[in-house]
Amino acid sequence: MLMDTLPTFLFDRSKAQARLVLGDRDRLDLPHRMSTNDLKRLRVGEGCSTVLTTATARIIDRVLVYHRGETALMIANYPEVVLRWLRQHIFWQDRFQIEDQSAALGQLELHGINAGALAEQAISGASALAMHHFLEDPARQLLVARTFPLSGEGFLIVAPPAQLEQLRAMWLAENQAQAADATTYERLRVAAGLPAARHELTEEYIPLEAGLWDSVSFTKGCYIGQEIIARMESRGKLAKTLVKLQLSVLVPLGTPIRAADETVGVLTSIAEPPMPLAGVAAFGLGFVKPAFAALGTRLQVGEASAEVVPAPLIIGRESER
């Protein structure tokens, strides 16, 4: 694959996302009741992706939750919104604490074909982790988890800044990874099809529309927005669905997606390819009517001609069921 020719990238995601620590008896029970996935099934060392939704099943945030035993760690995109949402749903009998420890804990991500080998250097055994499972070194306050791969393999590392700096310095000094910026991350994210905050993870969309089937359990108990999501799944009908587009020219975010004279969707992300590709100026993500979501469908996005192409991280119903 072309993406396998890219270097292994090292990203500092400390400011892009927040680290929230959940404590007390209901540290997993409350977010379980408030989100789409089954957190009660998690064992220590396991995590999952789950979505906080409104009463009308609109996306508040897609978060990662890791079961650490006496505490849980939540990676959030909209920390202030998530903190407020969870706190306002604490009942008098609940025993639940949540603290934003983003200042005390930093976050790195590794993406590439050698990411597993570098994760192994951080904690032995990390390269064999299943998706969202993690290992910890309590003495170093270090957590390494397998995460959504933007290229090759993907690993998320959480630790105090001093610990992260030691790892970063080692990998860069030995040329095992290439430090990369937010622009490179965005190019990889769009090419992989990962929904993001302020783009696809907004209250304009419902989790199934955004391809978040891996974040939804259809066997757990009630949660806010469940009735609508369950109805959409049982009827097999979505008003819109997320697709990846290959575009001939760069166009602005929010550009309507058209088929002939009909507007069939909207562009929510766009970035240049991670590496030069003949005839491809950009990759984009957008929501379209399901009738126009099939691979190979030709569309028009402003001045750009576009084609629906595969994206490894856009998960459809057939992939999950």
Protein backbone atom coordinates (compact mmCIF):
# COMPACT_ATOMS: atom_id res chain seq x y z
CA MET A 1 0.00 0.00 0.00
CA LEU A 2 1.16 3.53 -0.76
CA MET A 3 0.66 4.67 2.84
CA ASP A 4 3.16 2.03 3.99
CA THR A 5 5.94 4.03 2.31
CA LEU A 6 5.37 6.93 4.72
CA PRO A 7 7.63 7.35 7.77
CA THR A 8 6.41 6.61 11.28
CA PHE A 9 5.07 9.92 12.56
CA LEU A 10 5.15 11.19 16.14
CA PHE A 11 2.44 13.68 17.10
CA ASP A 12 2.04 15.71 20.27
CA ARG A 13 -1.72 15.63 20.89
CA SER A 14 -1.60 17.17 24.38
CA LYS A 15 -3.48 20.32 23.37
CA ALA A 16 -5.71 18.72 20.75
CA GLN A 17 -7.46 16.43 23.25
CA ALA A 18 -8.06 16.28 27.00
CA ARG A 19 -7.30 13.62 29.62
CA LEU A 20 -10.15 13.26 32.13
CA VAL A 21 -9.72 10.93 35.12
CA LEU A 22 -12.88 9.24 36.42
CA GLY A 23 -13.06 7.99 39.98
CA ASP A 24 -15.22 6.53 42.77
CA ARG A 25 -17.71 3.65 42.61
CA ASP A 26 -19.64 4.76 39.51
CA ARG A 27 -16.61 5.78 37.45
CA LEU A 28 -17.74 3.47 34.62
CA ASP A 29 -21.43 3.11 35.45
CA LEU A 30 -22.31 6.77 34.87
CA PRO A 31 -20.62 7.09 31.44
CA HIS A 32 -22.10 3.67 30.59
CA ARG A 33 -25.60 5.08 31.23
CA MET A 34 -24.78 8.25 29.33
CA SER A 35 -23.15 6.89 26.17
CA THR A 36 -23.64 4.47 23.29
CA ASN A 37 -21.19 1.66 24.05
CA ASP A 38 -21.09 -1.05 26.72
CA LEU A 39 -18.57 0.10 29.33
CA LYS A 40 -19.67 -2.50 31.88
CA ARG A 41 -18.11 -5.27 29.81
CA LEU A 42 -14.64 -3.71 30.07
CA ARG A 43 -11.99 -5.48 32.09
CA VAL A 44 -8.96 -3.76 33.59
CA GLY A 45 -6.57 -3.08 30.71
CA GLU A 46 -9.36 -2.70 28.16
CA GLY A 47 -10.92 0.37 26.63
CA CYS A 48 -13.45 1.33 24.00
CA SER A 49 -14.75 4.17 21.91
CA THR A 50 -18.17 5.50 22.91
CA VAL A 51 -20.36 8.47 22.02
CA LEU A 52 -22.15 10.90 24.31
CA THR A 53 -25.42 11.89 22.63
CA THR A 54 -28.28 14.32 23.17
CA ALA A 55 -31.88 13.23 23.72
CA THR A 56 -32.30 13.40 19.94
CA ALA A 57 -29.21 11.17 19.45
CA ARG A 58 -26.98 13.99 18.19
CA ILE A 59 -23.24 13.70 18.78
CA ILE A 60 -21.89 15.56 21.81
CA ASP A 61 -18.47 13.89 21.66
CA ARG A 62 -16.85 10.60 20.76
CA VAL A 63 -14.56 9.67 23.65
CA LEU A 64 -12.14 6.88 24.47
CA VAL A 65 -12.53 5.24 27.89
CA TYR A 66 -9.85 3.06 29.48
CA HIS A 67 -10.63 0.86 32.53
CA ARG A 68 -7.62 1.20 34.87
CA GLY A 69 -9.12 -0.49 37.93
CA GLU A 70 -9.71 2.05 40.70
CA THR A 71 -9.93 4.82 38.11
CA ALA A 72 -10.77 5.21 34.42
CA LEU A 73 -9.18 7.50 31.86
CA MET A 74 -11.29 9.34 29.29
CA ILE A 75 -9.82 11.01 26.19
CA ALA A 76 -12.18 13.81 25.13
CA ASN A 77 -12.31 16.29 22.26
CA TYR A 78 -14.63 18.80 23.95
CA PRO A 79 -13.59 18.61 27.63
CA GLU A 80 -15.68 21.51 28.93
CA VAL A 81 -18.80 20.16 27.24
CA VAL A 82 -18.14 16.60 28.44
CA LEU A 83 -17.46 17.70 32.03
CA ARG A 84 -20.65 19.75 32.14
CA TRP A 85 -22.76 17.03 30.49
CA LEU A 86 -21.65 14.27 32.84
CA ARG A 87 -21.84 16.39 35.98
CA GLN A 88 -25.36 17.56 35.28
CA HIS A 89 -26.52 13.93 35.06
CA ILE A 90 -25.11 12.81 38.41
CA PHE A 91 -27.99 11.65 40.63
CA TRP A 92 -27.95 12.07 44.40
CA GLN A 93 -27.09 8.38 44.97
CA ASP A 94 -24.26 8.32 42.41
CA ARG A 95 -20.67 8.20 43.57
CA PHE A 96 -18.75 9.67 40.69
CA GLN A 97 -15.80 12.01 40.36
CA ILE A 98 -14.27 13.49 37.25
CA GLU A 99 -11.16 15.64 37.03
CA ASP A 100 -9.44 17.24 34.07
CA GLN A 101 -5.78 16.24 34.39
CA SER A 102 -4.71 17.51 30.98
CA ALA A 103 -2.09 19.80 32.51
CA ALA A 104 -0.49 16.98 34.51
CA LEU A 105 -0.68 14.36 31.77
CA GLY A 106 0.44 14.84 28.19
CA GLN A 107 -0.42 12.77 25.13
CA LEU A 108 1.58 11.51 22.16
CA GLU A 109 0.47 9.43 19.17
CA LEU A 110 2.55 7.19 16.93
CA HIS A 111 1.32 6.31 13.44
CA GLY A 112 3.16 4.21 10.88
CA ILE A 113 4.48 0.78 10.04
CA ASN A 114 7.06 0.94 12.87
CA ALA A 115 4.69 2.35 15.49
CA GLY A 116 4.33 -1.04 17.20
CA ALA A 117 8.09 -1.42 17.60
CA LEU A 118 8.33 2.02 19.22
CA ALA A 119 5.37 1.34 21.49
CA GLU A 120 7.20 -1.84 22.55
CA GLN A 121 10.16 0.30 23.61
CA ALA A 122 7.85 2.32 25.84
CA ILE A 123 6.24 -0.74 27.49
CA SER A 124 7.08 -4.37 26.74
CA GLY A 125 4.11 -6.16 25.20
CA ALA A 126 2.46 -3.05 23.76
CA SER A 127 2.91 -4.14 20.16
CA ALA A 128 0.56 -7.12 20.72
CA LEU A 129 -2.31 -5.07 22.15
CA ALA A 130 -5.81 -5.37 20.65
CA MET A 131 -7.68 -2.22 19.61
CA HIS A 132 -8.19 0.15 22.58
CA HIS A 133 -6.47 -2.24 24.99
CA PHE A 134 -3.59 -0.78 26.97
CA LEU A 135 -0.67 -1.44 29.27
CA GLU A 136 0.49 0.72 32.15
CA ASP A 137 3.70 1.33 34.05
CA PRO A 138 2.48 2.84 37.35
CA ALA A 139 5.99 3.84 38.43
CA ARG A 140 6.28 6.12 35.41
CA GLN A 141 2.55 6.97 35.27
CA LEU A 142 2.78 5.75 31.66
CA LEU A 143 -0.10 4.32 29.63
CA VAL A 144 0.25 2.93 26.10
CA ALA A 145 -2.88 1.99 24.12
CA ARG A 146 -3.53 0.82 20.59
CA THR A 147 -5.69 3.40 18.83
CA PHE A 148 -7.22 4.23 15.45
CA PRO A 149 -4.39 3.82 12.88
CA LEU A 150 -3.97 6.77 10.54
CA SER A 151 -1.11 4.99 8.76
CA GLY A 152 0.25 1.53 9.47
CA GLU A 153 -0.39 1.03 13.19
CA GLY A 154 -1.58 3.58 15.73
CA PHE A 155 -0.64 3.97 19.40
CA LEU A 156 -1.64 6.54 22.01
CA ILE A 157 0.72 7.33 24.90
CA VAL A 158 -0.31 9.20 28.06
CA ALA A 159 2.17 10.20 30.77
CA PRO A 160 3.51 13.26 32.62
CA PRO A 161 5.27 15.64 30.20
CA ALA A 162 8.75 14.74 31.51
CA GLN A 163 8.21 11.06 30.71
CA LEU A 164 6.89 11.85 27.26
CA GLU A 165 9.84 14.10 26.54
CA GLN A 166 12.26 11.26 27.30
CA LEU A 167 10.51 8.98 24.83
CA ARG A 168 10.23 11.72 22.24
CA ALA A 169 13.94 12.60 22.52
CA MET A 170 14.98 8.95 22.18
CA TRP A 171 12.86 8.26 19.11
CA LEU A 172 13.83 11.45 17.32
CA ALA A 173 17.54 11.23 18.15
CA GLU A 174 17.68 7.71 16.72
CA ASN A 175 15.56 8.70 13.68
CA GLN A 176 12.99 6.03 14.56
CA ALA A 177 10.13 8.49 14.12
CA GLN A 178 9.55 11.83 12.46
CA ALA A 179 8.05 14.66 14.47
CA ALA A 180 5.02 15.98 12.62
CA ASP A 181 2.62 18.88 12.97
CA ALA A 182 -1.15 19.36 12.96
CA THR A 183 -1.22 19.77 9.18
CA THR A 184 0.32 16.33 8.66
CA TYR A 185 -2.06 14.84 11.22
CA GLU A 186 -5.01 16.34 9.36
CA ARG A 187 -3.82 14.95 6.03
CA LEU A 188 -3.49 11.47 7.53
CA ARG A 189 -6.81 11.74 9.38
CA VAL A 190 -8.80 12.67 6.30
CA ALA A 191 -7.08 10.05 4.15
CA ALA A 192 -7.88 7.39 6.77
CA GLY A 193 -11.47 8.60 7.22
CA LEU A 194 -11.36 9.34 10.95
CA PRO A 195 -14.22 11.66 12.05
CA ALA A 196 -12.98 14.66 14.04
CA ALA A 197 -14.20 17.34 16.41
CA ARG A 198 -15.56 20.48 14.76
CA HIS A 199 -15.89 18.55 11.50
CA GLU A 200 -17.89 15.30 11.73
CA LEU A 201 -18.26 15.04 15.51
CA THR A 202 -20.92 17.71 15.97
CA GLU A 203 -24.57 17.90 16.98
CA GLU A 204 -25.52 18.06 13.32
CA TYR A 205 -25.01 14.31 13.03
CA ILE A 206 -26.06 11.01 14.61
CA PRO A 207 -23.35 8.39 15.39
CA LEU A 208 -24.50 5.88 12.77
CA GLU A 209 -24.48 8.59 10.10
CA ALA A 210 -20.84 9.33 10.98
CA GLY A 211 -19.82 5.67 10.62
CA LEU A 212 -19.35 5.20 14.37
CA TRP A 213 -20.78 1.66 14.41
CA ASP A 214 -17.77 0.49 16.44
CA SER A 215 -18.80 2.93 19.19
CA VAL A 216 -22.39 1.69 19.56
CA SER A 217 -23.71 -1.37 21.40
CA PHE A 218 -27.14 -2.66 20.37
CA THR A 219 -27.39 -5.08 23.30
CA LYS A 220 -26.79 -2.81 26.32
CA GLY A 221 -29.44 -1.10 28.44
CA CYS A 222 -30.89 2.36 28.07
CA TYR A 223 -28.90 5.52 27.45
CA ILE A 224 -29.74 9.03 26.29
CA GLY A 225 -30.66 8.93 22.60
CA GLN A 226 -30.89 5.12 22.46
CA GLU A 227 -34.44 4.92 21.09
CA ILE A 228 -33.59 6.94 17.99
CA ILE A 229 -30.33 5.08 17.30
CA ALA A 230 -32.00 1.68 17.80
CA ARG A 231 -34.83 2.65 15.44
CA MET A 232 -32.35 3.76 12.76
CA GLU A 233 -30.45 0.48 13.08
CA SER A 234 -33.54 -1.74 13.03
CA ARG A 235 -35.05 0.00 10.02
CA GLY A 236 -31.72 0.16 8.21
CA LYS A 237 -32.38 3.70 7.03
CA LEU A 238 -30.06 6.67 7.45
CA ALA A 239 -30.79 10.18 6.23
CA LYS A 240 -27.11 10.66 5.39
CA THR A 241 -23.84 8.78 5.64
CA LEU A 242 -20.16 9.68 5.83
CA VAL A 243 -17.96 9.07 2.78
CA LYS A 244 -14.42 9.79 1.69
CA LEU A 245 -13.99 11.72 -1.53
CA GLN A 246 -11.10 12.05 -3.94
CA LEU A 247 -11.14 15.60 -5.37
CA SER A 248 -9.55 17.20 -8.42
CA VAL A 249 -9.01 20.61 -6.76
CA LEU A 250 -9.09 22.05 -3.24
CA VAL A 251 -12.42 23.59 -2.29
CA PRO A 252 -13.65 25.27 0.93
CA LEU A 253 -15.15 23.41 3.87
CA GLY A 254 -18.93 23.43 3.78
CA THR A 255 -19.09 23.27 -0.01
CA PRO A 256 -22.28 21.50 -1.14
CA ILE A 257 -21.85 18.07 -2.72
CA ARG A 258 -23.93 17.69 -5.87
CA ALA A 259 -25.05 14.98 -8.25
CA ALA A 260 -26.14 16.61 -11.51
CA ASP A 261 -28.54 19.38 -10.44
CA GLU A 262 -29.28 17.92 -7.00
CA THR A 263 -27.54 18.83 -3.75
CA VAL A 264 -26.90 15.50 -2.02
CA GLY A 265 -24.57 16.42 0.84
CA VAL A 266 -21.91 18.70 2.31
CA LEU A 267 -18.12 18.62 2.62
CA THR A 268 -16.98 18.51 6.27
CA SER A 269 -13.19 17.91 5.97
CA ILE A 270 -10.60 18.48 3.27
CA ALA A 271 -6.82 18.15 3.11
CA GLU A 272 -4.08 17.52 0.62
CA PRO A 273 -3.01 13.86 0.31
CA PRO A 274 -0.29 12.69 2.73
CA MET A 275 1.84 11.96 -0.34
CA PRO A 276 1.58 13.11 -3.99
CA LEU A 277 -0.96 11.18 -6.05
CA ALA A 278 -1.45 11.75 -9.77
CA GLY A 279 -4.70 13.59 -10.49
CA VAL A 280 -5.62 13.95 -6.81
CA ALA A 281 -5.48 17.44 -5.32
CA ALA A 282 -7.23 16.57 -2.08
CA PHE A 283 -9.11 14.02 -0.04
CA GLY A 284 -12.29 15.06 1.68
CA LEU A 285 -14.90 13.72 4.06
CA GLY A 286 -18.54 14.57 3.68
CA PHE A 287 -22.06 13.47 4.44
CA VAL A 288 -24.20 12.41 1.48
CA LYS A 289 -27.55 10.74 0.94
CA PRO A 290 -27.03 6.96 1.07
CA ALA A 291 -28.05 6.56 -2.58
CA PHE A 292 -24.84 8.44 -3.52
CA ALA A 293 -22.45 6.71 -1.09
CA ALA A 294 -21.40 3.69 -3.17
CA LEU A 295 -17.71 3.40 -4.01
CA GLY A 296 -16.97 4.84 -7.44
CA THR A 297 -19.89 7.28 -7.40
CA ARG A 298 -19.00 10.47 -9.31
CA LEU A 299 -20.01 13.75 -7.72
CA GLN A 300 -19.33 17.48 -7.98
CA VAL A 301 -18.03 19.55 -5.03
CA GLY A 302 -17.90 23.19 -6.07
CA GLU A 303 -15.30 23.40 -8.83
CA ALA A 304 -13.95 19.94 -8.05
CA SER A 305 -14.91 16.69 -9.67
CA ALA A 306 -15.06 14.02 -6.97
CA GLU A 307 -15.30 10.27 -6.56
CA VAL A 308 -16.31 8.21 -3.52
CA VAL A 309 -13.28 6.11 -2.53
CA PRO A 310 -12.49 3.62 0.28
CA ALA A 311 -11.48 4.83 3.76
CA PRO A 312 -10.28 2.28 6.33
CA LEU A 313 -11.73 4.10 9.35
CA ILE A 314 -15.22 4.78 7.97
CA ILE A 315 -17.12 1.78 9.32
CA GLY A 316 -20.39 0.77 7.70
CA ARG A 317 -23.21 -1.36 9.04
CA GLU A 318 -22.02 -4.42 7.14
CA SER A 319 -18.56 -4.17 8.74
CA GLU A 320 -19.93 -4.25 12.27
CA ARG A 321 -22.92 -6.51 12.08
